[in-house]
Amino acid sequence: MEYKIISKKPLYHGFFSMDQLQVEHEKFNGGTQIILRENMERGDAAAMLLFDPEVDKVLLLEQFRIGPVLRHENPWLIEIVAGMVDAGESVEQAIMRETYEEAGFRPYQTTWLGRYYTTPGACSERIDLYLGFVDSRAPMGEGGGLADEHEDIRSFWVCQEEAMQMLADGRIASGAPMLALLLAFGCKGVVNR
């Protein structure tokens, strides 16, 4: 199937950018249609679940997020290491930088878990997910994020079983940690087959 961008109009540029696009695309039942959509551009990101296999624990982070504030929900979300890919950086370089900045670790082994679009109906951001193997007793830095990026990050280790229970209980409500935990350790679905 084919598509073409007819026009792209910048609407906003700040922490993210917003563009309005007019796109013509083929339809499944034949013919084409023209649509008008807004797209938020943040760039690409990477996230990593840190895991110490010797003690069967994962490192979770907690930090303030603006999205839940607008819904009057708890804005301190439980997450994993994550950050934007800077200009001139590979995804792998970005996630290793973020792992050190936010958690104070440098994994001795990493495994790519996959890539997904965060909100494909309105945003072009993709996130690459990784599992990073570390020795929880040997951090190489303080972590906690960068002051000049206004990061205030609390990190804590939990056993794998507890992390999966937090996921099942809804205490983890952010996409990257949810998906990373499921891809790394499997999923007990609500439907038994």
N, C-alpha and C. Protein backbone atom coordinates (compact mmCIF):
# COMPACT_ATOMS: atom_id res chain seq x y z
N MET A 1 0.85 -1.18 0.00
CA MET A 1 0.00 0.00 0.00
C MET A 1 0.89 1.23 0.00
N GLU A 2 0.37 2.29 -0.59
CA GLU A 2 1.15 3.52 -0.77
C GLU A 2 0.51 4.69 -0.03
N TYR A 3 1.34 5.69 0.29
CA TYR A 3 0.87 6.96 0.85
C TYR A 3 1.78 8.06 0.36
N LYS A 4 1.32 9.31 0.46
CA LYS A 4 2.20 10.45 0.17
C LYS A 4 1.80 11.62 1.06
N ILE A 5 2.81 12.34 1.51
CA ILE A 5 2.59 13.54 2.31
C ILE A 5 2.34 14.69 1.35
N ILE A 6 1.17 15.28 1.46
CA ILE A 6 0.81 16.40 0.58
C ILE A 6 1.36 17.71 1.15
N SER A 7 1.23 17.89 2.46
CA SER A 7 1.77 19.10 3.09
C SER A 7 2.12 18.82 4.54
N LYS A 8 3.05 19.61 5.05
CA LYS A 8 3.48 19.53 6.45
C LYS A 8 3.65 20.95 6.96
N LYS A 9 2.86 21.32 7.98
CA LYS A 9 2.85 22.68 8.50
C LYS A 9 3.28 22.67 9.97
N PRO A 10 4.38 23.36 10.33
CA PRO A 10 4.78 23.44 11.74
C PRO A 10 3.74 24.22 12.55
N LEU A 11 3.37 23.67 13.71
CA LEU A 11 2.41 24.33 14.59
C LEU A 11 3.04 24.84 15.88
N TYR A 12 4.06 24.13 16.37
CA TYR A 12 4.66 24.46 17.66
C TYR A 12 6.06 23.87 17.73
N HIS A 13 6.97 24.57 18.42
CA HIS A 13 8.29 24.01 18.67
C HIS A 13 8.72 24.41 20.08
N GLY A 14 8.94 23.43 20.94
CA GLY A 14 9.35 23.64 22.33
C GLY A 14 10.04 22.39 22.80
N PHE A 15 9.61 21.84 23.96
CA PHE A 15 10.16 20.58 24.46
C PHE A 15 9.92 19.48 23.44
N PHE A 16 8.85 19.57 22.71
CA PHE A 16 8.56 18.73 21.56
C PHE A 16 8.10 19.63 20.43
N SER A 17 7.89 19.08 19.25
CA SER A 17 7.36 19.83 18.11
C SER A 17 6.03 19.24 17.70
N MET A 18 5.18 20.09 17.15
CA MET A 18 3.88 19.64 16.65
C MET A 18 3.75 20.14 15.21
N ASP A 19 3.43 19.20 14.32
CA ASP A 19 3.21 19.52 12.92
C ASP A 19 1.82 19.06 12.51
N GLN A 20 1.26 19.75 11.54
CA GLN A 20 0.01 19.31 10.93
C GLN A 20 0.35 18.76 9.55
N LEU A 21 -0.10 17.54 9.29
CA LEU A 21 0.20 16.89 8.01
C LEU A 21 -1.09 16.59 7.25
N GLN A 22 -1.03 16.80 5.96
CA GLN A 22 -2.08 16.34 5.07
C GLN A 22 -1.49 15.17 4.29
N VAL A 23 -2.14 14.02 4.39
CA VAL A 23 -1.60 12.79 3.82
C VAL A 23 -2.69 12.12 2.97
N GLU A 24 -2.27 11.63 1.81
CA GLU A 24 -3.16 10.80 0.99
C GLU A 24 -2.65 9.37 1.09
N HIS A 25 -3.57 8.43 1.38
CA HIS A 25 -3.14 7.03 1.48
C HIS A 25 -4.18 6.11 0.85
N GLU A 26 -3.69 4.96 0.39
CA GLU A 26 -4.57 3.95 -0.17
C GLU A 26 -5.43 3.34 0.93
N LYS A 27 -6.62 2.91 0.58
CA LYS A 27 -7.54 2.27 1.52
C LYS A 27 -7.56 0.77 1.28
N PHE A 28 -7.89 0.01 2.29
CA PHE A 28 -7.92 -1.45 2.18
C PHE A 28 -8.94 -1.93 1.16
N ASN A 29 -10.04 -1.22 1.03
CA ASN A 29 -11.09 -1.65 0.10
C ASN A 29 -10.96 -1.01 -1.28
N GLY A 30 -9.80 -0.39 -1.56
CA GLY A 30 -9.55 0.25 -2.86
C GLY A 30 -9.70 1.75 -2.77
N GLY A 31 -9.11 2.45 -3.74
CA GLY A 31 -9.18 3.91 -3.75
C GLY A 31 -8.23 4.53 -2.75
N THR A 32 -8.38 5.82 -2.56
CA THR A 32 -7.53 6.57 -1.63
C THR A 32 -8.39 7.52 -0.82
N GLN A 33 -7.79 8.05 0.23
CA GLN A 33 -8.43 9.12 0.99
C GLN A 33 -7.37 10.10 1.45
N ILE A 34 -7.79 11.35 1.67
CA ILE A 34 -6.90 12.40 2.17
C ILE A 34 -7.32 12.70 3.61
N ILE A 35 -6.33 12.68 4.51
CA ILE A 35 -6.59 12.95 5.93
C ILE A 35 -5.72 14.10 6.41
N LEU A 36 -6.17 14.78 7.44
CA LEU A 36 -5.44 15.86 8.10
C LEU A 36 -5.17 15.39 9.53
N ARG A 37 -3.90 15.34 9.92
CA ARG A 37 -3.52 14.86 11.25
C ARG A 37 -2.43 15.74 11.85
N GLU A 38 -2.44 15.82 13.19
CA GLU A 38 -1.34 16.47 13.90
C GLU A 38 -0.42 15.37 14.41
N ASN A 39 0.87 15.65 14.39
CA ASN A 39 1.87 14.71 14.88
C ASN A 39 2.80 15.41 15.85
N MET A 40 2.97 14.82 17.03
CA MET A 40 3.95 15.32 18.00
C MET A 40 5.28 14.62 17.72
N GLU A 41 6.32 15.40 17.57
CA GLU A 41 7.66 14.86 17.31
C GLU A 41 8.54 15.11 18.53
N ARG A 42 9.00 14.03 19.13
CA ARG A 42 9.93 14.11 20.26
C ARG A 42 11.29 13.55 19.90
N GLY A 43 11.36 12.84 18.80
CA GLY A 43 12.57 12.10 18.49
C GLY A 43 12.42 10.68 19.03
N ASP A 44 13.46 9.90 18.88
CA ASP A 44 13.41 8.52 19.34
C ASP A 44 14.01 8.39 20.73
N ALA A 45 13.65 7.32 21.40
CA ALA A 45 14.09 7.09 22.77
C ALA A 45 14.52 5.64 22.94
N ALA A 46 15.11 5.36 24.08
CA ALA A 46 15.51 4.01 24.44
C ALA A 46 15.23 3.80 25.92
N ALA A 47 14.95 2.55 26.29
CA ALA A 47 14.68 2.22 27.69
C ALA A 47 15.35 0.89 28.01
N MET A 48 15.79 0.75 29.26
CA MET A 48 16.46 -0.48 29.66
C MET A 48 16.02 -0.92 31.05
N LEU A 49 15.64 -2.18 31.13
CA LEU A 49 15.35 -2.82 32.41
C LEU A 49 16.67 -3.41 32.91
N LEU A 50 17.12 -2.95 34.07
CA LEU A 50 18.37 -3.47 34.65
C LEU A 50 18.04 -4.67 35.53
N PHE A 51 18.82 -5.73 35.36
CA PHE A 51 18.57 -7.01 36.03
C PHE A 51 19.86 -7.57 36.57
N ASP A 52 19.84 -7.98 37.83
CA ASP A 52 20.98 -8.68 38.44
C ASP A 52 20.58 -10.15 38.58
N PRO A 53 21.07 -11.01 37.68
CA PRO A 53 20.67 -12.43 37.71
C PRO A 53 21.18 -13.18 38.94
N GLU A 54 22.24 -12.69 39.57
CA GLU A 54 22.78 -13.37 40.75
C GLU A 54 21.82 -13.34 41.92
N VAL A 55 21.05 -12.24 42.04
CA VAL A 55 20.10 -12.11 43.14
C VAL A 55 18.66 -12.04 42.65
N ASP A 56 18.45 -12.20 41.34
CA ASP A 56 17.13 -12.20 40.71
C ASP A 56 16.34 -10.94 41.03
N LYS A 57 17.01 -9.78 40.87
CA LYS A 57 16.35 -8.50 41.16
C LYS A 57 16.44 -7.57 39.96
N VAL A 58 15.44 -6.69 39.85
CA VAL A 58 15.43 -5.65 38.83
C VAL A 58 15.46 -4.29 39.51
N LEU A 59 16.02 -3.32 38.79
CA LEU A 59 16.07 -1.96 39.31
C LEU A 59 14.93 -1.17 38.70
N LEU A 60 14.08 -0.63 39.57
CA LEU A 60 13.00 0.23 39.14
C LEU A 60 13.29 1.66 39.56
N LEU A 61 12.76 2.60 38.80
CA LEU A 61 12.95 4.01 39.08
C LEU A 61 11.60 4.64 39.34
N GLU A 62 11.60 5.71 40.11
CA GLU A 62 10.37 6.46 40.33
C GLU A 62 10.68 7.93 40.09
N GLN A 63 9.81 8.58 39.29
CA GLN A 63 10.01 10.00 39.02
C GLN A 63 8.69 10.67 38.67
N PHE A 64 8.69 11.99 38.78
CA PHE A 64 7.51 12.80 38.51
C PHE A 64 7.26 12.91 37.01
N ARG A 65 6.00 12.72 36.59
CA ARG A 65 5.61 12.82 35.18
C ARG A 65 4.38 13.72 35.07
N ILE A 66 4.39 14.61 34.08
CA ILE A 66 3.32 15.61 33.95
C ILE A 66 1.99 15.02 33.49
N GLY A 67 1.99 13.96 32.68
CA GLY A 67 0.75 13.41 32.15
C GLY A 67 -0.30 13.08 33.20
N PRO A 68 0.04 12.33 34.24
CA PRO A 68 -0.96 11.98 35.26
C PRO A 68 -1.50 13.19 36.03
N VAL A 69 -0.73 14.27 36.11
CA VAL A 69 -1.19 15.47 36.82
C VAL A 69 -2.51 15.96 36.22
N LEU A 70 -2.61 15.94 34.90
CA LEU A 70 -3.81 16.43 34.22
C LEU A 70 -5.02 15.57 34.48
N ARG A 71 -4.81 14.35 34.95
CA ARG A 71 -5.91 13.44 35.29
C ARG A 71 -6.12 13.36 36.81
N HIS A 72 -5.38 14.17 37.56
CA HIS A 72 -5.44 14.18 39.03
C HIS A 72 -5.10 12.80 39.58
N GLU A 73 -4.12 12.15 38.95
CA GLU A 73 -3.62 10.85 39.41
C GLU A 73 -2.20 11.02 39.94
N ASN A 74 -1.70 10.01 40.61
CA ASN A 74 -0.36 10.05 41.18
C ASN A 74 0.67 10.26 40.07
N PRO A 75 1.40 11.38 40.07
CA PRO A 75 2.36 11.65 38.99
C PRO A 75 3.75 11.04 39.21
N TRP A 76 3.98 10.35 40.33
CA TRP A 76 5.26 9.69 40.54
C TRP A 76 5.12 8.26 40.03
N LEU A 77 5.60 8.04 38.82
CA LEU A 77 5.43 6.75 38.16
C LEU A 77 6.63 5.84 38.37
N ILE A 78 6.37 4.55 38.44
CA ILE A 78 7.43 3.55 38.53
C ILE A 78 7.82 3.20 37.11
N GLU A 79 9.10 3.37 36.82
CA GLU A 79 9.59 3.24 35.46
C GLU A 79 10.90 2.47 35.45
N ILE A 80 11.53 2.45 34.28
CA ILE A 80 12.87 1.90 34.12
C ILE A 80 13.73 3.00 33.50
N VAL A 81 15.01 2.76 33.40
CA VAL A 81 15.91 3.73 32.77
C VAL A 81 15.40 4.01 31.36
N ALA A 82 15.35 5.29 31.00
CA ALA A 82 14.89 5.67 29.66
C ALA A 82 15.34 7.08 29.34
N GLY A 83 15.46 7.36 28.06
CA GLY A 83 15.81 8.71 27.66
C GLY A 83 15.83 8.87 26.16
N MET A 84 15.95 10.10 25.76
CA MET A 84 15.95 10.45 24.34
C MET A 84 17.31 10.16 23.70
N VAL A 85 17.27 9.83 22.42
CA VAL A 85 18.48 9.65 21.64
C VAL A 85 18.90 11.04 21.14
N ASP A 86 20.05 11.50 21.56
CA ASP A 86 20.54 12.82 21.16
C ASP A 86 21.06 12.80 19.73
N ALA A 87 21.11 13.97 19.13
CA ALA A 87 21.64 14.10 17.77
C ALA A 87 23.06 13.55 17.71
N GLY A 88 23.34 12.74 16.69
CA GLY A 88 24.67 12.16 16.52
C GLY A 88 24.93 10.92 17.34
N GLU A 89 23.97 10.49 18.12
CA GLU A 89 24.11 9.31 18.99
C GLU A 89 23.38 8.12 18.39
N SER A 90 23.92 6.94 18.57
CA SER A 90 23.17 5.73 18.21
C SER A 90 22.23 5.42 19.37
N VAL A 91 21.25 4.57 19.12
CA VAL A 91 20.34 4.14 20.18
C VAL A 91 21.13 3.48 21.30
N GLU A 92 22.09 2.64 20.93
CA GLU A 92 22.91 1.94 21.93
C GLU A 92 23.72 2.91 22.79
N GLN A 93 24.31 3.93 22.17
CA GLN A 93 25.05 4.93 22.94
C GLN A 93 24.13 5.68 23.89
N ALA A 94 22.95 6.02 23.40
CA ALA A 94 21.99 6.77 24.22
C ALA A 94 21.58 5.98 25.46
N ILE A 95 21.26 4.70 25.29
CA ILE A 95 20.78 3.95 26.44
C ILE A 95 21.90 3.67 27.44
N MET A 96 23.11 3.52 26.97
CA MET A 96 24.23 3.35 27.90
C MET A 96 24.49 4.64 28.69
N ARG A 97 24.37 5.78 28.02
CA ARG A 97 24.52 7.08 28.70
C ARG A 97 23.43 7.25 29.74
N GLU A 98 22.18 6.98 29.35
CA GLU A 98 21.06 7.13 30.26
C GLU A 98 21.15 6.18 31.46
N THR A 99 21.62 4.97 31.21
CA THR A 99 21.75 3.99 32.29
C THR A 99 22.71 4.50 33.37
N TYR A 100 23.79 5.12 32.93
CA TYR A 100 24.75 5.67 33.90
C TYR A 100 24.17 6.91 34.60
N GLU A 101 23.57 7.82 33.81
CA GLU A 101 23.04 9.06 34.39
C GLU A 101 21.91 8.79 35.39
N GLU A 102 20.99 7.92 35.03
CA GLU A 102 19.81 7.72 35.86
C GLU A 102 20.00 6.68 36.95
N ALA A 103 20.81 5.65 36.70
CA ALA A 103 20.92 4.55 37.65
C ALA A 103 22.32 4.33 38.21
N GLY A 104 23.34 4.89 37.55
CA GLY A 104 24.71 4.72 38.04
C GLY A 104 25.34 3.40 37.66
N PHE A 105 24.78 2.70 36.69
CA PHE A 105 25.32 1.40 36.27
C PHE A 105 25.76 1.42 34.82
N ARG A 106 26.68 0.52 34.50
CA ARG A 106 27.09 0.22 33.13
C ARG A 106 26.94 -1.29 32.95
N PRO A 107 25.92 -1.72 32.22
CA PRO A 107 25.68 -3.17 32.07
C PRO A 107 26.87 -3.90 31.46
N TYR A 108 27.13 -5.11 31.94
CA TYR A 108 28.19 -5.94 31.36
C TYR A 108 27.67 -6.74 30.18
N GLN A 109 26.34 -6.79 30.02
CA GLN A 109 25.73 -7.46 28.87
C GLN A 109 24.36 -6.84 28.64
N THR A 110 23.99 -6.68 27.37
CA THR A 110 22.66 -6.17 27.05
C THR A 110 22.01 -7.07 26.00
N THR A 111 20.69 -7.11 26.05
CA THR A 111 19.89 -7.84 25.07
C THR A 111 18.80 -6.91 24.58
N TRP A 112 18.69 -6.78 23.25
CA TRP A 112 17.62 -5.97 22.66
C TRP A 112 16.32 -6.73 22.76
N LEU A 113 15.28 -6.10 23.31
CA LEU A 113 13.99 -6.75 23.49
C LEU A 113 12.99 -6.41 22.39
N GLY A 114 13.17 -5.27 21.74
CA GLY A 114 12.24 -4.89 20.69
C GLY A 114 12.11 -3.38 20.56
N ARG A 115 11.24 -2.98 19.64
CA ARG A 115 11.00 -1.56 19.36
C ARG A 115 9.50 -1.35 19.18
N TYR A 116 9.01 -0.23 19.71
CA TYR A 116 7.58 0.06 19.55
C TYR A 116 7.35 1.56 19.44
N TYR A 117 6.21 1.91 18.86
CA TYR A 117 5.76 3.30 18.81
C TYR A 117 4.93 3.56 20.06
N THR A 118 5.17 4.70 20.72
CA THR A 118 4.49 4.99 21.97
C THR A 118 3.01 5.27 21.77
N THR A 119 2.68 6.14 20.84
CA THR A 119 1.30 6.53 20.55
C THR A 119 1.20 6.81 19.06
N PRO A 120 1.15 5.77 18.22
CA PRO A 120 1.30 5.94 16.78
C PRO A 120 0.20 6.75 16.10
N GLY A 121 -0.93 6.96 16.76
CA GLY A 121 -1.98 7.77 16.16
C GLY A 121 -1.71 9.26 16.24
N ALA A 122 -0.71 9.66 17.03
CA ALA A 122 -0.47 11.09 17.21
C ALA A 122 0.99 11.46 17.44
N CYS A 123 1.89 10.47 17.45
CA CYS A 123 3.28 10.75 17.80
C CYS A 123 4.21 9.81 17.04
N SER A 124 5.32 10.33 16.55
CA SER A 124 6.26 9.52 15.78
C SER A 124 7.36 8.90 16.65
N GLU A 125 7.32 9.12 17.95
CA GLU A 125 8.35 8.58 18.85
C GLU A 125 8.35 7.06 18.85
N ARG A 126 9.57 6.49 18.71
CA ARG A 126 9.78 5.04 18.85
C ARG A 126 10.68 4.83 20.05
N ILE A 127 10.47 3.72 20.73
CA ILE A 127 11.33 3.36 21.85
C ILE A 127 11.94 1.99 21.59
N ASP A 128 13.26 1.90 21.71
CA ASP A 128 13.97 0.62 21.67
C ASP A 128 14.11 0.15 23.11
N LEU A 129 13.72 -1.10 23.36
CA LEU A 129 13.78 -1.67 24.70
C LEU A 129 14.95 -2.64 24.82
N TYR A 130 15.61 -2.58 25.98
CA TYR A 130 16.75 -3.45 26.26
C TYR A 130 16.63 -4.05 27.65
N LEU A 131 17.27 -5.18 27.83
CA LEU A 131 17.49 -5.78 29.14
C LEU A 131 18.99 -5.66 29.39
N GLY A 132 19.35 -5.06 30.52
CA GLY A 132 20.76 -4.89 30.85
C GLY A 132 21.13 -5.69 32.09
N PHE A 133 22.20 -6.46 32.00
CA PHE A 133 22.66 -7.28 33.12
C PHE A 133 23.72 -6.52 33.90
N VAL A 134 23.52 -6.40 35.22
CA VAL A 134 24.43 -5.66 36.08
C VAL A 134 24.66 -6.42 37.38
N ASP A 135 25.68 -5.99 38.10
CA ASP A 135 25.92 -6.46 39.47
C ASP A 135 25.38 -5.37 40.38
N SER A 136 24.27 -5.65 41.06
CA SER A 136 23.60 -4.64 41.89
C SER A 136 24.48 -4.12 43.02
N ARG A 137 25.53 -4.88 43.37
CA ARG A 137 26.42 -4.46 44.46
C ARG A 137 27.55 -3.56 43.97
N ALA A 138 27.60 -3.31 42.65
CA ALA A 138 28.75 -2.57 42.12
C ALA A 138 28.34 -1.43 41.18
N PRO A 139 27.59 -0.44 41.70
CA PRO A 139 27.29 0.71 40.85
C PRO A 139 28.58 1.47 40.54
N MET A 140 28.58 2.16 39.41
CA MET A 140 29.76 2.91 39.00
C MET A 140 29.55 4.41 39.14
N GLY A 141 28.39 4.80 39.56
CA GLY A 141 28.07 6.21 39.75
C GLY A 141 26.86 6.34 40.66
N GLU A 142 26.45 7.59 40.92
CA GLU A 142 25.33 7.84 41.82
C GLU A 142 23.99 7.62 41.17
N GLY A 143 23.87 7.93 39.88
CA GLY A 143 22.56 7.88 39.24
C GLY A 143 21.70 9.03 39.72
N GLY A 144 20.40 8.89 39.60
CA GLY A 144 19.49 9.93 40.07
C GLY A 144 19.12 10.96 39.02
N GLY A 145 19.75 10.89 37.85
CA GLY A 145 19.44 11.84 36.78
C GLY A 145 20.32 13.07 36.82
N LEU A 146 20.05 13.97 35.90
CA LEU A 146 20.84 15.19 35.77
C LEU A 146 20.05 16.39 36.27
N ALA A 147 20.69 17.19 37.10
CA ALA A 147 20.03 18.38 37.65
C ALA A 147 19.63 19.35 36.55
N ASP A 148 20.50 19.52 35.53
CA ASP A 148 20.17 20.49 34.47
C ASP A 148 19.03 20.02 33.58
N GLU A 149 18.62 18.75 33.70
CA GLU A 149 17.44 18.24 32.99
C GLU A 149 16.24 18.15 33.95
N HIS A 150 16.42 18.69 35.17
CA HIS A 150 15.37 18.71 36.20
C HIS A 150 14.89 17.31 36.54
N GLU A 151 15.82 16.34 36.52
CA GLU A 151 15.47 14.97 36.88
C GLU A 151 15.64 14.76 38.38
N ASP A 152 14.68 14.13 38.97
CA ASP A 152 14.69 13.78 40.39
C ASP A 152 14.23 12.33 40.46
N ILE A 153 15.19 11.41 40.45
CA ILE A 153 14.89 9.99 40.28
C ILE A 153 15.28 9.20 41.53
N ARG A 154 14.34 8.41 42.02
CA ARG A 154 14.60 7.48 43.11
C ARG A 154 14.67 6.09 42.49
N SER A 155 15.69 5.33 42.84
CA SER A 155 15.80 3.97 42.32
C SER A 155 15.72 2.97 43.47
N PHE A 156 15.20 1.78 43.16
CA PHE A 156 15.08 0.74 44.18
C PHE A 156 15.06 -0.63 43.51
N TRP A 157 15.68 -1.59 44.19
CA TRP A 157 15.75 -2.96 43.70
C TRP A 157 14.58 -3.76 44.26
N VAL A 158 13.97 -4.58 43.42
CA VAL A 158 12.93 -5.52 43.85
C VAL A 158 13.20 -6.86 43.17
N CYS A 159 12.76 -7.93 43.80
CA CYS A 159 12.93 -9.23 43.16
C CYS A 159 12.03 -9.29 41.92
N GLN A 160 12.41 -10.14 40.99
CA GLN A 160 11.66 -10.27 39.74
C GLN A 160 10.19 -10.58 40.01
N GLU A 161 9.93 -11.48 40.95
CA GLU A 161 8.55 -11.87 41.26
C GLU A 161 7.74 -10.66 41.75
N GLU A 162 8.34 -9.83 42.61
CA GLU A 162 7.64 -8.65 43.10
C GLU A 162 7.37 -7.65 41.98
N ALA A 163 8.34 -7.48 41.08
CA ALA A 163 8.15 -6.57 39.94
C ALA A 163 6.98 -7.04 39.09
N MET A 164 6.89 -8.34 38.85
CA MET A 164 5.78 -8.87 38.05
C MET A 164 4.45 -8.71 38.79
N GLN A 165 4.48 -8.80 40.12
CA GLN A 165 3.25 -8.59 40.90
C GLN A 165 2.84 -7.12 40.86
N MET A 166 3.82 -6.22 40.90
CA MET A 166 3.53 -4.79 40.78
C MET A 166 2.88 -4.50 39.43
N LEU A 167 3.33 -5.18 38.42
CA LEU A 167 2.74 -5.05 37.09
C LEU A 167 1.30 -5.56 37.10
N ALA A 168 1.09 -6.73 37.65
CA ALA A 168 -0.25 -7.33 37.70
C ALA A 168 -1.22 -6.50 38.54
N ASP A 169 -0.70 -5.85 39.60
CA ASP A 169 -1.54 -5.04 40.50
C ASP A 169 -1.83 -3.64 39.94
N GLY A 170 -1.19 -3.28 38.84
CA GLY A 170 -1.39 -1.95 38.28
C GLY A 170 -0.54 -0.87 38.91
N ARG A 171 0.43 -1.25 39.73
CA ARG A 171 1.31 -0.25 40.34
C ARG A 171 2.34 0.27 39.35
N ILE A 172 2.58 -0.47 38.28
CA ILE A 172 3.43 -0.01 37.19
C ILE A 172 2.48 0.36 36.06
N ALA A 173 2.42 1.65 35.75
CA ALA A 173 1.42 2.16 34.80
C ALA A 173 2.05 2.95 33.66
N SER A 174 3.25 2.60 33.30
CA SER A 174 3.97 3.27 32.21
C SER A 174 4.37 2.19 31.20
N GLY A 175 4.25 2.51 29.93
CA GLY A 175 4.42 1.52 28.88
C GLY A 175 5.77 0.82 28.83
N ALA A 176 6.86 1.56 28.91
CA ALA A 176 8.19 0.95 28.77
C ALA A 176 8.47 -0.11 29.83
N PRO A 177 8.25 0.17 31.13
CA PRO A 177 8.51 -0.91 32.10
C PRO A 177 7.56 -2.07 31.97
N MET A 178 6.31 -1.79 31.62
CA MET A 178 5.34 -2.88 31.45
C MET A 178 5.81 -3.83 30.36
N LEU A 179 6.13 -3.27 29.21
CA LEU A 179 6.53 -4.09 28.07
C LEU A 179 7.88 -4.78 28.32
N ALA A 180 8.83 -4.07 28.92
CA ALA A 180 10.14 -4.66 29.18
C ALA A 180 10.03 -5.85 30.14
N LEU A 181 9.23 -5.72 31.19
CA LEU A 181 9.06 -6.82 32.13
C LEU A 181 8.41 -8.03 31.45
N LEU A 182 7.40 -7.77 30.62
CA LEU A 182 6.72 -8.86 29.93
C LEU A 182 7.64 -9.54 28.92
N LEU A 183 8.41 -8.75 28.19
CA LEU A 183 9.32 -9.34 27.20
C LEU A 183 10.49 -10.06 27.85
N ALA A 184 10.95 -9.55 28.99
CA ALA A 184 12.10 -10.17 29.66
C ALA A 184 11.72 -11.44 30.43
N PHE A 185 10.56 -11.42 31.09
CA PHE A 185 10.23 -12.49 32.02
C PHE A 185 8.95 -13.24 31.70
N GLY A 186 8.30 -12.91 30.60
CA GLY A 186 7.10 -13.62 30.22
C GLY A 186 5.85 -13.01 30.79
N CYS A 187 4.73 -13.56 30.38
CA CYS A 187 3.45 -12.98 30.75
C CYS A 187 2.49 -14.07 31.22
N LYS A 188 1.87 -13.83 32.34
CA LYS A 188 0.77 -14.69 32.78
C LYS A 188 -0.49 -13.96 32.36
N GLY A 189 -1.11 -14.41 31.30
CA GLY A 189 -2.29 -13.73 30.78
C GLY A 189 -3.51 -13.93 31.64
N VAL A 190 -4.52 -13.09 31.41
CA VAL A 190 -5.77 -13.21 32.15
C VAL A 190 -6.63 -14.35 31.63
N VAL A 191 -6.34 -14.82 30.43
CA VAL A 191 -7.06 -15.94 29.86
C VAL A 191 -6.13 -17.15 29.85
N ASN A 192 -6.51 -18.18 30.53
CA ASN A 192 -5.68 -19.40 30.54
C ASN A 192 -6.04 -20.26 29.34
N ARG A 193 -5.05 -20.64 28.58
CA ARG A 193 -5.29 -21.47 27.39
C ARG A 193 -4.55 -22.77 27.51
